[in-house]
């Protein structure tokens, strides 16, 4: 594993009706997000993860196309961060990954994520 003081990661975020901010770069009105259950968001995220894991799609392309985070404009890249800068479940999942490894579903107040540790 890499340096445990700093990490770099990309992610795909799918928001749902329980997300703390039910709007996004892809859904400014929030109509789609407010209509999406948490279980539907997880199902959608897992389908995207499978496409990435199977090599059918690049992580960056999926993030650009579907991520509700503004980082989607950068292929999901969040840049480098240290401990205490991200929501704890996101941080814990990222630091537990080896560089190049992709997480399963990570649930935070923002929504559900798949994380790719890039550094």
PDB file of N, CA and C in Angstrom:
ATOM      1  N   UNK A   1       0.824  -1.185   0.000  1.00  0.00           N
ATOM      2  CA  UNK A   1       0.000   0.000   0.000  1.00  0.00           C
ATOM      3  C   UNK A   1       0.866   1.246   0.000  1.00  0.00           C
ATOM      4  N   UNK A   2       0.260   2.340  -0.420  1.00  0.00           N
ATOM      5  CA  UNK A   2       0.982   3.597  -0.525  1.00  0.00           C
ATOM      6  C   UNK A   2       1.111   4.290   0.815  1.00  0.00           C
ATOM      7  N   UNK A   3       1.505   5.549   0.760  1.00  0.00           N
ATOM      8  CA  UNK A   3       1.657   6.390   1.939  1.00  0.00           C
ATOM      9  C   UNK A   3       0.295   6.548   2.619  1.00  0.00           C
ATOM     10  N   UNK A   4       0.242   6.176   3.879  1.00  0.00           N
ATOM     11  CA  UNK A   4      -1.029   6.226   4.591  1.00  0.00           C
ATOM     12  C   UNK A   4      -1.382   7.614   5.112  1.00  0.00           C
ATOM     13  N   UNK A   5      -0.496   8.597   4.915  1.00  0.00           N
ATOM     14  CA  UNK A   5      -0.805   9.962   5.342  1.00  0.00           C
ATOM     15  C   UNK A   5      -1.560  10.713   4.250  1.00  0.00           C
ATOM     16  N   UNK A   6      -1.322  10.359   2.988  1.00  0.00           N
ATOM     17  CA  UNK A   6      -1.953  11.018   1.848  1.00  0.00           C
ATOM     18  C   UNK A   6      -2.426   9.956   0.877  1.00  0.00           C
ATOM     19  N   UNK A   7      -3.460  10.278   0.140  1.00  0.00           N
ATOM     20  CA  UNK A   7      -3.962   9.369  -0.889  1.00  0.00           C
ATOM     21  C   UNK A   7      -4.475  10.204  -2.046  1.00  0.00           C
ATOM     22  N   UNK A   8      -4.565   9.582  -3.188  1.00  0.00           N
ATOM     23  CA  UNK A   8      -5.207  10.202  -4.341  1.00  0.00           C
ATOM     24  C   UNK A   8      -6.238   9.198  -4.824  1.00  0.00           C
ATOM     25  N   UNK A   9      -7.409   9.701  -5.189  1.00  0.00           N
ATOM     26  CA  UNK A   9      -8.474   8.798  -5.598  1.00  0.00           C
ATOM     27  C   UNK A   9      -9.402   9.464  -6.604  1.00  0.00           C
ATOM     28  N   UNK A  10     -10.076   8.608  -7.347  1.00  0.00           N
ATOM     29  CA  UNK A  10     -11.177   9.019  -8.215  1.00  0.00           C
ATOM     30  C   UNK A  10     -12.405   8.277  -7.723  1.00  0.00           C
ATOM     31  N   UNK A  11     -13.567   8.808  -8.030  1.00  0.00           N
ATOM     32  CA  UNK A  11     -14.775   8.097  -7.604  1.00  0.00           C
ATOM     33  C   UNK A  11     -15.920   8.362  -8.567  1.00  0.00           C
ATOM     34  N   UNK A  12     -16.910   7.494  -8.442  1.00  0.00           N
ATOM     35  CA  UNK A  12     -18.201   7.682  -9.098  1.00  0.00           C
ATOM     36  C   UNK A  12     -19.201   7.812  -7.958  1.00  0.00           C
ATOM     37  N   UNK A  13     -19.969   8.884  -7.963  1.00  0.00           N
ATOM     38  CA  UNK A  13     -20.984   9.146  -6.935  1.00  0.00           C
ATOM     39  C   UNK A  13     -22.362   9.072  -7.568  1.00  0.00           C
ATOM     40  N   UNK A  14     -23.225   8.277  -6.956  1.00  0.00           N
ATOM     41  CA  UNK A  14     -24.633   8.261  -7.344  1.00  0.00           C
ATOM     42  C   UNK A  14     -25.425   8.748  -6.123  1.00  0.00           C
ATOM     43  N   UNK A  15     -26.099   9.874  -6.302  1.00  0.00           N
ATOM     44  CA  UNK A  15     -26.921  10.414  -5.220  1.00  0.00           C
ATOM     45  C   UNK A  15     -28.309   9.772  -5.237  1.00  0.00           C
ATOM     46  N   UNK A  16     -28.982   9.858  -4.097  1.00  0.00           N
ATOM     47  CA  UNK A  16     -30.335   9.314  -3.965  1.00  0.00           C
ATOM     48  C   UNK A  16     -31.130  10.236  -3.047  1.00  0.00           C
ATOM     49  N   UNK A  17     -32.385   9.903  -2.850  1.00  0.00           N
ATOM     50  CA  UNK A  17     -33.283  10.820  -2.122  1.00  0.00           C
ATOM     51  C   UNK A  17     -32.850  11.084  -0.683  1.00  0.00           C
ATOM     52  N   UNK A  18     -31.996  10.232  -0.102  1.00  0.00           N
ATOM     53  CA  UNK A  18     -31.518  10.455   1.266  1.00  0.00           C
ATOM     54  C   UNK A  18     -30.196  11.231   1.298  1.00  0.00           C
ATOM     55  N   UNK A  19     -29.648  11.567   0.142  1.00  0.00           N
ATOM     56  CA  UNK A  19     -28.389  12.312   0.087  1.00  0.00           C
ATOM     57  C   UNK A  19     -28.569  13.691   0.709  1.00  0.00           C
ATOM     58  N   UNK A  20     -27.520  14.200   1.337  1.00  0.00           N
ATOM     59  CA  UNK A  20     -27.644  15.485   2.046  1.00  0.00           C
ATOM     60  C   UNK A  20     -27.908  16.650   1.109  1.00  0.00           C
ATOM     61  N   UNK A  21     -27.478  16.551  -0.148  1.00  0.00           N
ATOM     62  CA  UNK A  21     -27.749  17.601  -1.132  1.00  0.00           C
ATOM     63  C   UNK A  21     -28.306  16.919  -2.379  1.00  0.00           C
ATOM     64  N   UNK A  22     -29.622  16.919  -2.545  1.00  0.00           N
ATOM     65  CA  UNK A  22     -30.235  16.151  -3.638  1.00  0.00           C
ATOM     66  C   UNK A  22     -30.236  16.841  -5.003  1.00  0.00           C
ATOM     67  N   UNK A  23     -29.139  17.552  -5.305  1.00  0.00           N
ATOM     68  CA  UNK A  23     -28.954  18.102  -6.648  1.00  0.00           C
ATOM     69  C   UNK A  23     -27.526  17.792  -7.073  1.00  0.00           C
ATOM     70  N   UNK A  24     -27.260  17.898  -8.363  1.00  0.00           N
ATOM     71  CA  UNK A  24     -25.909  17.627  -8.840  1.00  0.00           C
ATOM     72  C   UNK A  24     -25.662  18.317 -10.170  1.00  0.00           C
ATOM     73  N   UNK A  25     -24.451  18.168 -10.669  1.00  0.00           N
ATOM     74  CA  UNK A  25     -24.084  18.744 -11.970  1.00  0.00           C
ATOM     75  C   UNK A  25     -24.926  18.145 -13.086  1.00  0.00           C
ATOM     76  N   UNK A  26     -25.433  16.932 -12.888  1.00  0.00           N
ATOM     77  CA  UNK A  26     -26.243  16.253 -13.905  1.00  0.00           C
ATOM     78  C   UNK A  26     -27.738  16.434 -13.683  1.00  0.00           C
ATOM     79  N   UNK A  27     -28.109  16.908 -12.506  1.00  0.00           N
ATOM     80  CA  UNK A  27     -29.525  17.031 -12.136  1.00  0.00           C
ATOM     81  C   UNK A  27     -29.707  18.275 -11.270  1.00  0.00           C
ATOM     82  N   UNK A  28     -29.609  19.444 -11.903  1.00  0.00           N
ATOM     83  CA  UNK A  28     -29.653  20.711 -11.174  1.00  0.00           C
ATOM     84  C   UNK A  28     -30.959  20.908 -10.409  1.00  0.00           C
ATOM     85  N   UNK A  29     -32.055  20.374 -10.936  1.00  0.00           N
ATOM     86  CA  UNK A  29     -33.346  20.530 -10.257  1.00  0.00           C
ATOM     87  C   UNK A  29     -33.524  19.517  -9.137  1.00  0.00           C
ATOM     88  N   UNK A  30     -32.775  18.419  -9.189  1.00  0.00           N
ATOM     89  CA  UNK A  30     -32.896  17.369  -8.181  1.00  0.00           C
ATOM     90  C   UNK A  30     -34.047  16.408  -8.420  1.00  0.00           C
ATOM     91  N   UNK A  31     -34.769  16.576  -9.522  1.00  0.00           N
ATOM     92  CA  UNK A  31     -35.937  15.719  -9.767  1.00  0.00           C
ATOM     93  C   UNK A  31     -35.566  14.235  -9.872  1.00  0.00           C
ATOM     94  N   UNK A  32     -34.486  13.932 -10.581  1.00  0.00           N
ATOM     95  CA  UNK A  32     -34.072  12.531 -10.749  1.00  0.00           C
ATOM     96  C   UNK A  32     -33.574  11.974  -9.422  1.00  0.00           C
ATOM     97  N   UNK A  33     -32.722  12.739  -8.743  1.00  0.00           N
ATOM     98  CA  UNK A  33     -32.151  12.273  -7.473  1.00  0.00           C
ATOM     99  C   UNK A  33     -33.242  12.046  -6.433  1.00  0.00           C
ATOM    100  N   UNK A  34     -34.185  12.976  -6.313  1.00  0.00           N
ATOM    101  CA  UNK A  34     -35.257  12.810  -5.326  1.00  0.00           C
ATOM    102  C   UNK A  34     -36.163  11.626  -5.661  1.00  0.00           C
ATOM    103  N   UNK A  35     -36.163  11.200  -6.905  1.00  0.00           N
ATOM    104  CA  UNK A  35     -36.967  10.038  -7.294  1.00  0.00           C
ATOM    105  C   UNK A  35     -36.219   8.716  -7.177  1.00  0.00           C
ATOM    106  N   UNK A  36     -34.928   8.751  -6.819  1.00  0.00           N
ATOM    107  CA  UNK A  36     -34.093   7.547  -6.764  1.00  0.00           C
ATOM    108  C   UNK A  36     -33.957   7.073  -5.324  1.00  0.00           C
ATOM    109  N   UNK A  37     -34.322   5.835  -5.076  1.00  0.00           N
ATOM    110  CA  UNK A  37     -34.142   5.261  -3.745  1.00  0.00           C
ATOM    111  C   UNK A  37     -32.674   4.907  -3.549  1.00  0.00           C
ATOM    112  N   UNK A  38     -32.295   4.711  -2.309  1.00  0.00           N
ATOM    113  CA  UNK A  38     -30.927   4.311  -2.005  1.00  0.00           C
ATOM    114  C   UNK A  38     -30.617   2.955  -2.649  1.00  0.00           C
ATOM    115  N   UNK A  39     -31.555   2.024  -2.569  1.00  0.00           N
ATOM    116  CA  UNK A  39     -31.306   0.697  -3.156  1.00  0.00           C
ATOM    117  C   UNK A  39     -31.166   0.783  -4.676  1.00  0.00           C
ATOM    118  N   UNK A  40     -31.928   1.667  -5.320  1.00  0.00           N
ATOM    119  CA  UNK A  40     -31.795   1.853  -6.769  1.00  0.00           C
ATOM    120  C   UNK A  40     -30.444   2.476  -7.101  1.00  0.00           C
ATOM    121  N   UNK A  41     -29.981   3.402  -6.265  1.00  0.00           N
ATOM    122  CA  UNK A  41     -28.673   4.020  -6.482  1.00  0.00           C
ATOM    123  C   UNK A  41     -27.566   2.975  -6.367  1.00  0.00           C
ATOM    124  N   UNK A  42     -27.664   2.097  -5.380  1.00  0.00           N
ATOM    125  CA  UNK A  42     -26.663   1.041  -5.203  1.00  0.00           C
ATOM    126  C   UNK A  42     -26.680   0.088  -6.392  1.00  0.00           C
ATOM    127  N   UNK A  43     -27.869  -0.285  -6.835  1.00  0.00           N
ATOM    128  CA  UNK A  43     -28.001  -1.177  -7.990  1.00  0.00           C
ATOM    129  C   UNK A  43     -27.358  -0.552  -9.241  1.00  0.00           C
ATOM    130  N   UNK A  44     -27.632   0.717  -9.460  1.00  0.00           N
ATOM    131  CA  UNK A  44     -27.059   1.425 -10.606  1.00  0.00           C
ATOM    132  C   UNK A  44     -25.531   1.491 -10.490  1.00  0.00           C
ATOM    133  N   UNK A  45     -25.047   1.819  -9.294  1.00  0.00           N
ATOM    134  CA  UNK A  45     -23.610   1.918  -9.063  1.00  0.00           C
ATOM    135  C   UNK A  45     -22.920   0.573  -9.303  1.00  0.00           C
ATOM    136  N   UNK A  46     -23.513  -0.508  -8.809  1.00  0.00           N
ATOM    137  CA  UNK A  46     -22.915  -1.836  -8.994  1.00  0.00           C
ATOM    138  C   UNK A  46     -22.868  -2.233 -10.467  1.00  0.00           C
ATOM    139  N   UNK A  47     -23.860  -1.839 -11.235  1.00  0.00           N
ATOM    140  CA  UNK A  47     -23.848  -2.121 -12.679  1.00  0.00           C
ATOM    141  C   UNK A  47     -22.694  -1.381 -13.345  1.00  0.00           C
ATOM    142  N   UNK A  48     -22.495  -0.117 -12.968  1.00  0.00           N
ATOM    143  CA  UNK A  48     -21.369   0.649 -13.520  1.00  0.00           C
ATOM    144  C   UNK A  48     -20.042   0.036 -13.089  1.00  0.00           C
ATOM    145  N   UNK A  49     -19.956  -0.393 -11.820  1.00  0.00           N
ATOM    146  CA  UNK A  49     -18.718  -1.000 -11.318  1.00  0.00           C
ATOM    147  C   UNK A  49     -18.394  -2.262 -12.113  1.00  0.00           C
ATOM    148  N   UNK A  50     -19.397  -3.058 -12.401  1.00  0.00           N
ATOM    149  CA  UNK A  50     -19.191  -4.288 -13.171  1.00  0.00           C
ATOM    150  C   UNK A  50     -18.669  -3.974 -14.572  1.00  0.00           C
ATOM    151  N   UNK A  51     -19.197  -2.941 -15.195  1.00  0.00           N
ATOM    152  CA  UNK A  51     -18.720  -2.543 -16.528  1.00  0.00           C
ATOM    153  C   UNK A  51     -17.246  -2.130 -16.480  1.00  0.00           C
ATOM    154  N   UNK A  52     -16.857  -1.451 -15.409  1.00  0.00           N
ATOM    155  CA  UNK A  52     -15.456  -1.048 -15.246  1.00  0.00           C
ATOM    156  C   UNK A  52     -14.591  -2.282 -14.980  1.00  0.00           C
ATOM    157  N   UNK A  53     -15.011  -3.104 -14.016  1.00  0.00           N
ATOM    158  CA  UNK A  53     -14.217  -4.278 -13.621  1.00  0.00           C
ATOM    159  C   UNK A  53     -14.033  -5.262 -14.775  1.00  0.00           C
ATOM    160  N   UNK A  54     -15.026  -5.358 -15.647  1.00  0.00           N
ATOM    161  CA  UNK A  54     -14.952  -6.299 -16.767  1.00  0.00           C
ATOM    162  C   UNK A  54     -14.156  -5.740 -17.943  1.00  0.00           C
ATOM    163  N   UNK A  55     -13.777  -4.458 -17.842  1.00  0.00           N
ATOM    164  CA  UNK A  55     -13.003  -3.848 -18.911  1.00  0.00           C
ATOM    165  C   UNK A  55     -13.846  -3.265 -20.034  1.00  0.00           C
ATOM    166  N   UNK A  56     -15.164  -3.306 -19.899  1.00  0.00           N
ATOM    167  CA  UNK A  56     -16.037  -2.756 -20.948  1.00  0.00           C
ATOM    168  C   UNK A  56     -16.000  -1.237 -20.993  1.00  0.00           C
ATOM    169  N   UNK A  57     -15.740  -0.617 -19.849  1.00  0.00           N
ATOM    170  CA  UNK A  57     -15.700   0.844 -19.777  1.00  0.00           C
ATOM    171  C   UNK A  57     -14.522   1.256 -18.910  1.00  0.00           C
ATOM    172  N   UNK A  58     -13.932   2.390 -19.228  1.00  0.00           N
ATOM    173  CA  UNK A  58     -12.875   2.958 -18.386  1.00  0.00           C
ATOM    174  C   UNK A  58     -13.521   3.690 -17.217  1.00  0.00           C
ATOM    175  N   UNK A  59     -12.877   3.623 -16.053  1.00  0.00           N
ATOM    176  CA  UNK A  59     -13.383   4.288 -14.858  1.00  0.00           C
ATOM    177  C   UNK A  59     -13.676   5.756 -15.155  1.00  0.00           C
ATOM    178  N   UNK A  60     -12.721   6.426 -15.804  1.00  0.00           N
ATOM    179  CA  UNK A  60     -12.853   7.861 -16.079  1.00  0.00           C
ATOM    180  C   UNK A  60     -14.073   8.159 -16.942  1.00  0.00           C
ATOM    181  N   UNK A  61     -14.330   7.284 -17.919  1.00  0.00           N
ATOM    182  CA  UNK A  61     -15.474   7.501 -18.812  1.00  0.00           C
ATOM    183  C   UNK A  61     -16.793   7.366 -18.066  1.00  0.00           C
ATOM    184  N   UNK A  62     -16.870   6.365 -17.190  1.00  0.00           N
ATOM    185  CA  UNK A  62     -18.095   6.176 -16.402  1.00  0.00           C
ATOM    186  C   UNK A  62     -18.297   7.374 -15.480  1.00  0.00           C
ATOM    187  N   UNK A  63     -17.242   7.810 -14.818  1.00  0.00           N
ATOM    188  CA  UNK A  63     -17.360   8.966 -13.910  1.00  0.00           C
ATOM    189  C   UNK A  63     -17.820  10.209 -14.665  1.00  0.00           C
ATOM    190  N   UNK A  64     -17.237  10.437 -15.825  1.00  0.00           N
ATOM    191  CA  UNK A  64     -17.610  11.606 -16.623  1.00  0.00           C
ATOM    192  C   UNK A  64     -19.083  11.552 -17.018  1.00  0.00           C
ATOM    193  N   UNK A  65     -19.544  10.374 -17.371  1.00  0.00           N
ATOM    194  CA  UNK A  65     -20.908  10.203 -17.866  1.00  0.00           C
ATOM    195  C   UNK A  65     -21.958  10.206 -16.765  1.00  0.00           C
ATOM    196  N   UNK A  66     -21.687   9.565 -15.608  1.00  0.00           N
ATOM    197  CA  UNK A  66     -22.771   9.354 -14.645  1.00  0.00           C
ATOM    198  C   UNK A  66     -22.562   9.902 -13.240  1.00  0.00           C
ATOM    199  N   UNK A  67     -21.336  10.315 -12.871  1.00  0.00           N
ATOM    200  CA  UNK A  67     -21.113  10.724 -11.486  1.00  0.00           C
ATOM    201  C   UNK A  67     -21.838  12.023 -11.162  1.00  0.00           C
ATOM    202  N   UNK A  68     -22.507  12.027 -10.017  1.00  0.00           N
ATOM    203  CA  UNK A  68     -23.201  13.223  -9.548  1.00  0.00           C
ATOM    204  C   UNK A  68     -22.248  14.234  -8.898  1.00  0.00           C
ATOM    205  N   UNK A  69     -20.989  13.879  -8.760  1.00  0.00           N
ATOM    206  CA  UNK A  69     -20.003  14.796  -8.187  1.00  0.00           C
ATOM    207  C   UNK A  69     -19.429  15.693  -9.278  1.00  0.00           C
ATOM    208  N   UNK A  70     -19.087  16.922  -8.911  1.00  0.00           N
ATOM    209  CA  UNK A  70     -18.464  17.823  -9.886  1.00  0.00           C
ATOM    210  C   UNK A  70     -17.135  17.270 -10.385  1.00  0.00           C
ATOM    211  N   UNK A  71     -16.514  16.359  -9.631  1.00  0.00           N
ATOM    212  CA  UNK A  71     -15.266  15.733 -10.079  1.00  0.00           C
ATOM    213  C   UNK A  71     -15.476  14.888 -11.333  1.00  0.00           C
ATOM    214  N   UNK A  72     -16.717  14.582 -11.666  1.00  0.00           N
ATOM    215  CA  UNK A  72     -17.013  13.843 -12.889  1.00  0.00           C
ATOM    216  C   UNK A  72     -16.468  14.542 -14.120  1.00  0.00           C
ATOM    217  N   UNK A  73     -16.381  15.867 -14.059  1.00  0.00           N
ATOM    218  CA  UNK A  73     -15.823  16.637 -15.175  1.00  0.00           C
ATOM    219  C   UNK A  73     -14.347  16.324 -15.381  1.00  0.00           C
ATOM    220  N   UNK A  74     -13.711  15.769 -14.346  1.00  0.00           N
ATOM    221  CA  UNK A  74     -12.287  15.389 -14.404  1.00  0.00           C
ATOM    222  C   UNK A  74     -12.140  13.867 -14.373  1.00  0.00           C
ATOM    223  N   UNK A  75     -13.133  13.154 -14.832  1.00  0.00           N
ATOM    224  CA  UNK A  75     -13.073  11.695 -14.812  1.00  0.00           C
ATOM    225  C   UNK A  75     -13.156  11.113 -13.415  1.00  0.00           C
ATOM    226  N   UNK A  76     -13.687  11.891 -12.490  1.00  0.00           N
ATOM    227  CA  UNK A  76     -13.847  11.430 -11.107  1.00  0.00           C
ATOM    228  C   UNK A  76     -12.673  11.741 -10.195  1.00  0.00           C
ATOM    229  N   UNK A  77     -11.634  12.364 -10.737  1.00  0.00           N
ATOM    230  CA  UNK A  77     -10.413  12.619  -9.973  1.00  0.00           C
ATOM    231  C   UNK A  77     -10.649  13.648  -8.871  1.00  0.00           C
ATOM    232  N   UNK A  78     -10.370  13.253  -7.635  1.00  0.00           N
ATOM    233  CA  UNK A  78     -10.508  14.144  -6.484  1.00  0.00           C
ATOM    234  C   UNK A  78      -9.181  14.771  -6.095  1.00  0.00           C
ATOM    235  N   UNK A  79      -8.107  14.357  -6.758  1.00  0.00           N
ATOM    236  CA  UNK A  79      -6.792  14.857  -6.382  1.00  0.00           C
ATOM    237  C   UNK A  79      -6.300  14.181  -5.117  1.00  0.00           C
ATOM    238  N   UNK A  80      -5.258  14.750  -4.556  1.00  0.00           N
ATOM    239  CA  UNK A  80      -4.657  14.173  -3.356  1.00  0.00           C
ATOM    240  C   UNK A  80      -5.326  14.764  -2.125  1.00  0.00           C
ATOM    241  N   UNK A  81      -5.456  13.939  -1.092  1.00  0.00           N
ATOM    242  CA  UNK A  81      -6.027  14.416   0.166  1.00  0.00           C
ATOM    243  C   UNK A  81      -5.420  13.649   1.327  1.00  0.00           C
ATOM    244  N   UNK A  82      -5.531  14.250   2.485  1.00  0.00           N
ATOM    245  CA  UNK A  82      -5.033  13.621   3.705  1.00  0.00           C
ATOM    246  C   UNK A  82      -6.183  13.186   4.586  1.00  0.00           C
ATOM    247  N   UNK A  83      -5.828  12.565   5.677  1.00  0.00           N
ATOM    248  CA  UNK A  83      -6.851  12.126   6.628  1.00  0.00           C
ATOM    249  C   UNK A  83      -7.573  13.348   7.199  1.00  0.00           C
ATOM    250  N   UNK A  84      -8.868  13.200   7.418  1.00  0.00           N
ATOM    251  CA  UNK A  84      -9.670  14.275   7.986  1.00  0.00           C
ATOM    252  C   UNK A  84     -10.236  15.245   6.962  1.00  0.00           C
ATOM    253  N   UNK A  85      -9.951  15.022   5.677  1.00  0.00           N
ATOM    254  CA  UNK A  85     -10.439  15.943   4.651  1.00  0.00           C
ATOM    255  C   UNK A  85     -11.711  15.441   3.961  1.00  0.00           C
ATOM    256  N   UNK A  86     -11.985  14.156   4.071  1.00  0.00           N
ATOM    257  CA  UNK A  86     -13.158  13.555   3.434  1.00  0.00           C
ATOM    258  C   UNK A  86     -14.074  12.986   4.510  1.00  0.00           C
ATOM    259  N   UNK A  87     -15.308  12.650   4.128  1.00  0.00           N
ATOM    260  CA  UNK A  87     -16.188  11.991   5.074  1.00  0.00           C
ATOM    261  C   UNK A  87     -15.536  10.675   5.501  1.00  0.00           C
ATOM    262  N   UNK A  88     -15.676  10.337   6.778  1.00  0.00           N
ATOM    263  CA  UNK A  88     -14.947   9.203   7.347  1.00  0.00           C
ATOM    264  C   UNK A  88     -15.129   7.896   6.573  1.00  0.00           C
ATOM    265  N   UNK A  89     -16.338   7.485   6.198  1.00  0.00           N
ATOM    266  CA  UNK A  89     -16.459   6.219   5.455  1.00  0.00           C
ATOM    267  C   UNK A  89     -15.686   6.251   4.132  1.00  0.00           C
ATOM    268  N   UNK A  90     -15.687   7.403   3.465  1.00  0.00           N
ATOM    269  CA  UNK A  90     -14.967   7.554   2.198  1.00  0.00           C
ATOM    270  C   UNK A  90     -13.465   7.468   2.454  1.00  0.00           C
ATOM    271  N   UNK A  91     -13.011   8.190   3.455  1.00  0.00           N
ATOM    272  CA  UNK A  91     -11.591   8.192   3.813  1.00  0.00           C
ATOM    273  C   UNK A  91     -11.129   6.788   4.195  1.00  0.00           C
ATOM    274  N   UNK A  92     -11.868   6.131   5.075  1.00  0.00           N
ATOM    275  CA  UNK A  92     -11.477   4.787   5.523  1.00  0.00           C
ATOM    276  C   UNK A  92     -11.389   3.820   4.349  1.00  0.00           C
ATOM    277  N   UNK A  93     -12.358   3.885   3.452  1.00  0.00           N
ATOM    278  CA  UNK A  93     -12.364   2.982   2.291  1.00  0.00           C
ATOM    279  C   UNK A  93     -11.176   3.277   1.381  1.00  0.00           C
ATOM    280  N   UNK A  94     -10.894   4.551   1.149  1.00  0.00           N
ATOM    281  CA  UNK A  94      -9.786   4.921   0.263  1.00  0.00           C
ATOM    282  C   UNK A  94      -8.455   4.450   0.819  1.00  0.00           C
ATOM    283  N   UNK A  95      -8.205   4.720   2.087  1.00  0.00           N
ATOM    284  CA  UNK A  95      -6.916   4.356   2.671  1.00  0.00           C
ATOM    285  C   UNK A  95      -6.765   2.845   2.831  1.00  0.00           C
ATOM    286  N   UNK A  96      -7.856   2.092   2.803  1.00  0.00           N
ATOM    287  CA  UNK A  96      -7.782   0.630   2.891  1.00  0.00           C
ATOM    288  C   UNK A  96      -7.437  -0.011   1.546  1.00  0.00           C
ATOM    289  N   UNK A  97      -7.595   0.748   0.464  1.00  0.00           N
ATOM    290  CA  UNK A  97      -7.317   0.215  -0.867  1.00  0.00           C
ATOM    291  C   UNK A  97      -5.830   0.299  -1.200  1.00  0.00           C
ATOM    292  N   UNK A  98      -5.377  -0.643  -2.001  1.00  0.00           N
ATOM    293  CA  UNK A  98      -4.051  -0.535  -2.597  1.00  0.00           C
ATOM    294  C   UNK A  98      -4.174   0.382  -3.810  1.00  0.00           C
ATOM    295  N   UNK A  99      -3.095   1.021  -4.210  1.00  0.00           N
ATOM    296  CA  UNK A  99      -3.120   1.858  -5.404  1.00  0.00           C
ATOM    297  C   UNK A  99      -3.520   0.979  -6.592  1.00  0.00           C
ATOM    298  N   UNK A 100      -4.499   1.457  -7.367  1.00  0.00           N
ATOM    299  CA  UNK A 100      -5.002   0.704  -8.509  1.00  0.00           C
ATOM    300  C   UNK A 100      -6.194  -0.175  -8.189  1.00  0.00           C
ATOM    301  N   UNK A 101      -6.535  -0.276  -6.916  1.00  0.00           N
ATOM    302  CA  UNK A 101      -7.657  -1.116  -6.486  1.00  0.00           C
ATOM    303  C   UNK A 101      -8.947  -0.295  -6.442  1.00  0.00           C
ATOM    304  N   UNK A 102     -10.059  -0.960  -6.770  1.00  0.00           N
ATOM    305  CA  UNK A 102     -11.382  -0.321  -6.782  1.00  0.00           C
ATOM    306  C   UNK A 102     -12.207  -0.873  -5.622  1.00  0.00           C
ATOM    307  N   UNK A 103     -12.930   0.001  -4.966  1.00  0.00           N
ATOM    308  CA  UNK A 103     -13.763  -0.384  -3.817  1.00  0.00           C
ATOM    309  C   UNK A 103     -15.064  -1.032  -4.267  1.00  0.00           C
ATOM    310  N   UNK A 104     -15.749  -1.559  -3.301  1.00  0.00           N
ATOM    311  CA  UNK A 104     -17.150  -1.909  -3.477  1.00  0.00           C
ATOM    312  C   UNK A 104     -17.961  -0.654  -3.218  1.00  0.00           C
ATOM    313  N   UNK A 105     -19.214  -0.803  -2.852  1.00  0.00           N
ATOM    314  CA  UNK A 105     -20.078   0.345  -2.565  1.00  0.00           C
ATOM    315  C   UNK A 105     -19.669   0.968  -1.236  1.00  0.00           C
ATOM    316  N   UNK A 106     -19.450   2.280  -1.255  1.00  0.00           N
ATOM    317  CA  UNK A 106     -19.133   3.040  -0.045  1.00  0.00           C
ATOM    318  C   UNK A 106     -20.266   4.040   0.154  1.00  0.00           C
ATOM    319  N   UNK A 107     -20.906   3.962   1.311  1.00  0.00           N
ATOM    320  CA  UNK A 107     -22.074   4.775   1.626  1.00  0.00           C
ATOM    321  C   UNK A 107     -21.665   5.958   2.496  1.00  0.00           C
ATOM    322  N   UNK A 108     -21.972   7.186   2.037  1.00  0.00           N
ATOM    323  CA  UNK A 108     -21.716   8.388   2.844  1.00  0.00           C
ATOM    324  C   UNK A 108     -22.971   9.252   2.834  1.00  0.00           C
ATOM    325  N   UNK A 109     -22.909  10.367   3.551  1.00  0.00           N
ATOM    326  CA  UNK A 109     -24.028  11.317   3.552  1.00  0.00           C
ATOM    327  C   UNK A 109     -24.271  11.914   2.166  1.00  0.00           C
ATOM    328  N   UNK A 110     -23.261  11.868   1.304  1.00  0.00           N
ATOM    329  CA  UNK A 110     -23.400  12.426  -0.041  1.00  0.00           C
ATOM    330  C   UNK A 110     -24.131  11.491  -0.994  1.00  0.00           C
ATOM    331  N   UNK A 111     -24.052  10.191  -0.738  1.00  0.00           N
ATOM    332  CA  UNK A 111     -24.642   9.193  -1.622  1.00  0.00           C
ATOM    333  C   UNK A 111     -23.814   7.927  -1.578  1.00  0.00           C
ATOM    334  N   UNK A 112     -23.845   7.156  -2.659  1.00  0.00           N
ATOM    335  CA  UNK A 112     -23.062   5.927  -2.722  1.00  0.00           C
ATOM    336  C   UNK A 112     -21.963   6.090  -3.765  1.00  0.00           C
ATOM    337  N   UNK A 113     -20.803   5.541  -3.457  1.00  0.00           N
ATOM    338  CA  UNK A 113     -19.607   5.734  -4.268  1.00  0.00           C
ATOM    339  C   UNK A 113     -18.952   4.399  -4.611  1.00  0.00           C
ATOM    340  N   UNK A 114     -18.233   4.401  -5.722  1.00  0.00           N
ATOM    341  CA  UNK A 114     -17.187   3.417  -6.000  1.00  0.00           C
ATOM    342  C   UNK A 114     -15.929   4.256  -6.108  1.00  0.00           C
ATOM    343  N   UNK A 115     -14.885   3.831  -5.398  1.00  0.00           N
ATOM    344  CA  UNK A 115     -13.630   4.585  -5.320  1.00  0.00           C
ATOM    345  C   UNK A 115     -12.518   3.807  -6.004  1.00  0.00           C
ATOM    346  N   UNK A 116     -11.713   4.516  -6.756  1.00  0.00           N
ATOM    347  CA  UNK A 116     -10.507   3.944  -7.357  1.00  0.00           C
ATOM    348  C   UNK A 116      -9.330   4.706  -6.750  1.00  0.00           C
ATOM    349  N   UNK A 117      -8.478   3.979  -6.008  1.00  0.00           N
ATOM    350  CA  UNK A 117      -7.302   4.650  -5.427  1.00  0.00           C
ATOM    351  C   UNK A 117      -6.251   4.764  -6.510  1.00  0.00           C
ATOM    352  N   UNK A 118      -5.805   5.972  -6.756  1.00  0.00           N
ATOM    353  CA  UNK A 118      -4.860   6.236  -7.843  1.00  0.00           C
ATOM    354  C   UNK A 118      -3.482   6.649  -7.350  1.00  0.00           C
ATOM    355  N   UNK A 119      -3.346   6.847  -6.056  1.00  0.00           N
ATOM    356  CA  UNK A 119      -2.039   7.230  -5.522  1.00  0.00           C
ATOM    357  C   UNK A 119      -2.022   7.219  -4.025  1.00  0.00           C
TER     358      UNK A 119
END
